Protein backbone atom coordinates (compact mmCIF):
# COMPACT_ATOMS: atom_id res chain seq x y z
CA ILE A 1 15.84 24.39 46.76
CA LYS A 2 15.79 20.58 46.88
CA TYR A 3 12.94 20.44 44.35
CA ALA A 4 14.77 22.79 42.02
CA SER A 5 17.90 20.61 42.11
CA ILE A 6 15.79 17.44 41.50
CA LEU A 7 14.03 19.04 38.55
CA SER A 8 17.26 20.36 37.12
CA SER A 9 18.93 16.91 37.43
CA HIS A 10 15.96 15.26 35.67
CA ASN A 11 16.14 17.86 32.95
CA LYS A 12 19.84 17.11 32.46
CA ASP A 13 19.12 13.36 32.30
CA ASP A 14 16.27 13.99 29.88
CA MET A 15 18.53 16.15 27.76
CA ILE A 16 21.18 13.44 27.68
CA LEU A 17 18.53 10.86 26.83
CA TYR A 18 17.11 13.04 24.06
CA LYS A 19 20.59 13.63 22.66
CA TYR A 20 21.26 9.89 22.77
CA LEU A 21 17.95 9.12 21.03
CA ASP A 22 18.63 11.80 18.44
CA VAL A 23 22.09 10.39 17.73
CA GLU A 24 20.68 6.85 17.62
CA SER A 25 17.95 7.88 15.15
CA LYS A 26 20.56 9.58 12.98
CA ILE A 27 22.70 6.44 13.04
CA THR A 28 19.77 4.19 12.09
CA LYS A 29 18.82 6.59 9.32
CA ALA A 30 22.38 6.55 8.00
CA GLN A 31 22.40 2.75 8.19
CA ARG A 32 19.15 2.58 6.20
CA ILE A 33 20.58 4.89 3.55
CA ILE A 34 23.77 2.84 3.26
CA LYS A 35 21.85 -0.46 3.11
CA ALA A 36 19.56 0.92 0.40
CA TYR A 37 22.58 2.15 -1.57
CA LEU A 38 24.27 -1.24 -1.30
CA ARG A 39 21.08 -3.00 -2.37
CA ARG A 40 20.87 -0.79 -5.43
CA LYS A 41 24.51 -1.44 -6.20
CA LYS A 42 24.10 -5.20 -5.79
CA PHE A 43 20.77 -5.35 -7.64
CA PRO A 44 22.18 -5.44 -11.17
CA THR A 45 24.53 -8.30 -10.32
CA LYS A 46 21.82 -10.18 -8.44
CA ALA A 47 19.41 -9.62 -11.32
CA LYS A 48 21.95 -10.97 -13.84
CA GLU A 49 22.55 -13.98 -11.60
CA PHE A 50 18.83 -14.66 -11.36
CA LEU A 51 18.17 -14.19 -15.07
CA SER A 52 20.83 -16.76 -15.91
CA SER A 53 19.57 -19.24 -13.31
CA PRO A 54 17.61 -22.41 -14.19
CA LEU A 55 14.60 -21.10 -12.26
CA ALA A 56 14.43 -17.99 -14.42
CA ARG A 57 14.67 -20.10 -17.59
CA ASP A 58 11.85 -22.33 -16.35
CA LEU A 59 9.69 -19.32 -15.50
CA ASN A 60 10.38 -17.84 -18.90
CA LYS A 61 9.36 -21.10 -20.61
CA ARG A 62 6.17 -21.23 -18.55
CA ASN A 63 5.30 -17.62 -19.44
CA ASN A 64 5.93 -18.32 -23.13
CA LEU A 65 3.63 -21.35 -22.97
CA TRP A 66 0.87 -19.28 -21.39
CA ARG A 67 1.30 -16.56 -24.03
CA GLU A 68 1.11 -19.17 -26.80
CA LEU A 69 -1.98 -20.76 -25.26
CA LEU A 70 -3.69 -17.39 -24.92
CA ALA A 71 -2.81 -16.45 -28.52
CA SER A 72 -4.16 -19.74 -29.87
CA GLU A 73 -7.39 -19.33 -27.84
CA ARG A 74 -7.85 -15.84 -29.28
CA ILE A 75 -7.38 -17.18 -32.81
CA TYR A 76 -9.82 -20.02 -32.10
CA PHE A 77 -12.43 -17.55 -30.84
CA GLN A 78 -11.94 -15.30 -33.86
CA ASN A 79 -12.40 -18.31 -36.13
CA LEU A 80 -15.63 -19.23 -34.33
CA VAL A 81 -16.92 -15.68 -34.77
CA SER A 82 -15.99 -15.76 -38.46
CA LEU A 83 -17.66 -19.16 -38.90
CA HIS A 84 -20.81 -17.81 -37.31
CA GLU A 85 -20.89 -14.57 -39.30
CA ILE A 86 -19.84 -15.99 -42.68
CA TYR A 87 -21.62 -19.36 -42.74
CA ILE A 88 -24.14 -19.97 -39.96
CA GLN A 89 -26.05 -16.67 -40.01
CA PRO A 90 -26.49 -16.59 -43.81
CA LEU A 91 -27.52 -20.26 -43.87
CA ASN A 92 -30.07 -19.69 -41.11
CA ILE A 93 -31.49 -16.65 -42.92
CA LYS A 94 -31.83 -18.62 -46.17
CA ALA A 95 -33.28 -21.64 -44.34
CA ARG A 96 -36.05 -19.42 -42.91
CA GLY A 97 -36.68 -17.77 -46.27
CA ASN A 98 -37.94 -19.09 -49.56
CA SER A 99 -34.60 -20.22 -50.97
CA GLN A 100 -33.67 -23.10 -48.76
CA ILE A 101 -30.18 -24.38 -49.42
CA ILE A 102 -30.25 -26.55 -46.34
CA SER A 103 -32.86 -27.04 -43.60
CA GLU A 104 -32.54 -25.50 -40.16
CA LYS A 105 -32.49 -28.97 -38.65
CA LYS A 106 -29.43 -29.95 -40.72
CA ILE A 107 -27.73 -26.64 -39.89
CA SER A 108 -28.21 -27.28 -36.18
CA LYS A 109 -26.78 -30.81 -36.60
CA ILE A 110 -23.74 -29.59 -38.53
CA PHE A 111 -22.98 -26.63 -36.29
CA ARG A 112 -24.03 -28.19 -32.98
CA ASN A 113 -23.23 -26.10 -29.85
CA ILE A 114 -21.50 -23.31 -31.79
CA GLU A 115 -23.99 -20.80 -30.40
CA ARG A 116 -23.26 -21.90 -26.84
CA ILE A 117 -19.50 -21.77 -27.33
CA LYS A 118 -19.62 -18.33 -28.90
């Protein structure tokens, strides 16, 4: 009889504890939902504040500079490829053939290191 009453009192305490933990988990879940909602609500205003800040303007300038640098490097590379295909290759072919316009030695002096860069 004593063991039955001890077990039943532990079960009641466990039940109370489980109910408390269940309520606590529901409260924390509700808090997370409310915080997430508030963050979403505040995000547009925070985003507008950031986008108008000096830091955002500086970051935008830096990104534009990188884009410009990358674009100019692409153009430079395309020009090197065109130079090689339009001038260097035909001159080298003619220098090796019978109709020499210019010697291979002069071609290599004029277009020094182009092959390595390309």
